[in-house]
C-alpha atoms as a PDB file:
ATOM      1  CA  MET A   1       9.665  -6.529   3.944  1.00  0.00           C
ATOM      2  CA  LEU A   2       6.820  -7.706   6.169  1.00  0.00           C
ATOM      3  CA  VAL A   3       3.743  -5.318   6.433  1.00  0.00           C
ATOM      4  CA  LYS A   4       1.294  -5.851   9.549  1.00  0.00           C
ATOM      5  CA  LEU A   5      -2.314  -6.520   8.787  1.00  0.00           C
ATOM      6  CA  ILE A   6      -5.020  -7.049  11.260  1.00  0.00           C
ATOM      7  CA  ASP A   7      -7.716  -9.412  10.279  1.00  0.00           C
ATOM      8  CA  HIS A   8     -10.941  -8.890  11.207  1.00  0.00           C
ATOM      9  CA  LYS A   9     -10.823 -10.695  14.385  1.00  0.00           C
ATOM     10  CA  GLY A  10      -8.281  -8.427  15.947  1.00  0.00           C
ATOM     11  CA  LYS A  11      -5.195 -10.666  15.127  1.00  0.00           C
ATOM     12  CA  ALA A  12      -2.025  -9.247  13.941  1.00  0.00           C
ATOM     13  CA  ARG A  13      -0.506 -10.934  10.867  1.00  0.00           C
ATOM     14  CA  TYR A  14       2.424 -10.179   9.101  1.00  0.00           C
ATOM     15  CA  ILE A  15       2.367 -10.799   5.348  1.00  0.00           C
ATOM     16  CA  ASN A  16       5.281 -10.577   2.858  1.00  0.00           C
ATOM     17  CA  PRO A  17       3.810  -8.590  -0.121  1.00  0.00           C
ATOM     18  CA  MET A  18       5.117 -10.740  -2.736  1.00  0.00           C
ATOM     19  CA  TYR A  19       3.057 -13.570  -1.913  1.00  0.00           C
ATOM     20  CA  VAL A  20      -0.070 -11.831  -2.315  1.00  0.00           C
ATOM     21  CA  LYS A  21      -2.206 -13.334  -5.140  1.00  0.00           C
ATOM     22  CA  SER A  22      -5.243 -11.479  -4.978  1.00  0.00           C
ATOM     23  CA  LEU A  23      -7.534  -8.783  -3.124  1.00  0.00           C
ATOM     24  CA  GLU A  24     -10.912  -9.271  -3.104  1.00  0.00           C
ATOM     25  CA  PRO A  25     -13.919  -6.554  -1.771  1.00  0.00           C
ATOM     26  CA  LYS A  26     -15.972  -7.606   0.876  1.00  0.00           C
ATOM     27  CA  GLY A  27     -18.650  -5.343   1.302  1.00  0.00           C
ATOM     28  CA  GLU A  28     -18.091  -1.391   1.676  1.00  0.00           C
ATOM     29  CA  THR A  29     -15.289  -1.461   4.301  1.00  0.00           C
ATOM     30  CA  GLN A  30     -13.631  -5.114   4.047  1.00  0.00           C
ATOM     31  CA  THR A  31     -10.933  -7.043   1.864  1.00  0.00           C
ATOM     32  CA  ALA A  32     -10.088 -10.792   1.456  1.00  0.00           C
ATOM     33  CA  VAL A  33      -6.353 -11.210   1.125  1.00  0.00           C
ATOM     34  CA  GLU A  34      -5.222 -14.354  -0.500  1.00  0.00           C
ATOM     35  CA  VAL A  35      -1.907 -14.964   0.494  1.00  0.00           C
ATOM     36  CA  SER A  36       0.068 -17.936  -1.756  1.00  0.00           C
ATOM     37  CA  GLY A  37       0.525 -21.341   0.407  1.00  0.00           C
ATOM     38  CA  TRP A  38      -2.523 -20.100   2.925  1.00  0.00           C
ATOM     39  CA  SER A  39      -5.748 -22.716   3.041  1.00  0.00           C
ATOM     40  CA  MET A  40      -7.726 -19.445   3.713  1.00  0.00           C
ATOM     41  CA  LYS A  41      -8.432 -15.764   2.673  1.00  0.00           C
ATOM     42  CA  MET A  42      -7.734 -13.358   5.288  1.00  0.00           C
ATOM     43  CA  LYS A  43     -10.630 -10.545   5.929  1.00  0.00           C
ATOM     44  CA  ILE A  44      -8.974  -7.195   6.752  1.00  0.00           C
ATOM     45  CA  ASP A  45     -11.147  -4.427   7.579  1.00  0.00           C
ATOM     46  CA  MET A  46      -9.857  -1.855   5.161  1.00  0.00           C
ATOM     47  CA  THR A  47     -10.809  -1.028   1.763  1.00  0.00           C
ATOM     48  CA  PRO A  48      -8.596  -3.169  -1.277  1.00  0.00           C
ATOM     49  CA  ASP A  49      -7.342   0.269  -2.166  1.00  0.00           C
ATOM     50  CA  THR A  50      -5.928   0.580   1.318  1.00  0.00           C
ATOM     51  CA  VAL A  51      -4.595  -2.872   1.441  1.00  0.00           C
ATOM     52  CA  ALA A  52      -2.793  -2.388  -1.966  1.00  0.00           C
ATOM     53  CA  GLU A  53      -1.362   0.719  -0.691  1.00  0.00           C
ATOM     54  CA  LEU A  54       0.316  -0.916   2.265  1.00  0.00           C
ATOM     55  CA  LEU A  55       1.512  -4.031   0.603  1.00  0.00           C
ATOM     56  CA  ASN A  56       3.098  -1.634  -2.505  1.00  0.00           C
ATOM     57  CA  LEU A  57       4.975   0.252   0.683  1.00  0.00           C
ATOM     58  CA  GLY A  58       6.219  -3.243   1.585  1.00  0.00           C
ATOM     59  CA  MET A  59       7.710  -4.289  -1.552  1.00  0.00           C
ATOM     60  CA  PRO A  60      11.163  -4.153  -2.505  1.00  0.00           C
ATOM     61  CA  MET A  61      12.686  -1.123  -4.337  1.00  0.00           C
ATOM     62  CA  GLY A  62      13.600  -2.967  -7.378  1.00  0.00           C
ATOM     63  CA  MET A  63      10.458  -4.432  -7.768  1.00  0.00           C
ATOM     64  CA  GLU A  64       8.657  -1.256  -9.497  1.00  0.00           C
ATOM     65  CA  PRO A  65       9.841  -1.751 -13.161  1.00  0.00           C
ATOM     66  CA  ILE A  66       8.703  -5.418 -13.306  1.00  0.00           C
ATOM     67  CA  ILE A  67       5.353  -4.878 -11.557  1.00  0.00           C
ATOM     68  CA  ALA A  68       4.704  -2.105 -14.333  1.00  0.00           C
ATOM     69  CA  ASP A  69       5.861  -4.357 -17.312  1.00  0.00           C
ATOM     70  CA  LEU A  70       3.447  -6.908 -15.910  1.00  0.00           C
ATOM     71  CA  GLN A  71       0.465  -4.679 -15.371  1.00  0.00           C
ATOM     72  CA  GLN A  72       1.225  -3.495 -18.744  1.00  0.00           C
ATOM     73  CA  GLN A  73       1.369  -7.357 -20.181  1.00  0.00           C
ATOM     74  CA  GLN A  74      -2.419  -7.706 -18.324  1.00  0.00           C
ATOM     75  CA  ASP A  75      -3.792  -4.560 -19.407  1.00  0.00           C
ATOM     76  CA  ALA A  76      -2.763  -5.696 -23.354  1.00  0.00           C
ATOM     77  CA  ALA A  77      -4.035  -9.181 -23.049  1.00  0.00           C
ATOM     78  CA  ALA A  78      -6.985  -7.674 -21.588  1.00  0.00           C
ATOM     79  CA  ALA A  79      -7.572  -5.294 -24.462  1.00  0.00           C
ATOM     80  CA  SER A  80      -6.990  -8.342 -27.114  1.00  0.00           C
ATOM     81  CA  ALA A  81      -9.466 -10.231 -25.304  1.00  0.00           C
ATOM     82  CA  GLY A  82     -12.172  -7.817 -25.553  1.00  0.00           C
END
């Protein structure tokens, strides 16, 4: 499902959450969204937590186990590196 995000200039962008590579906090109330295939990050006037919640709502329902497994792998890798 596509998720509608409004950039900091007020332009609506419809994003497939599967292609979001990263969310980066920018100050107290903005987030830079990196989307695969886009040359620039998009600034959103929302906190990273809020953007993440919206993107998670747009994910296909069958993806939860895969995402949970990937998160566990990342956590294990971070724990072994530190």
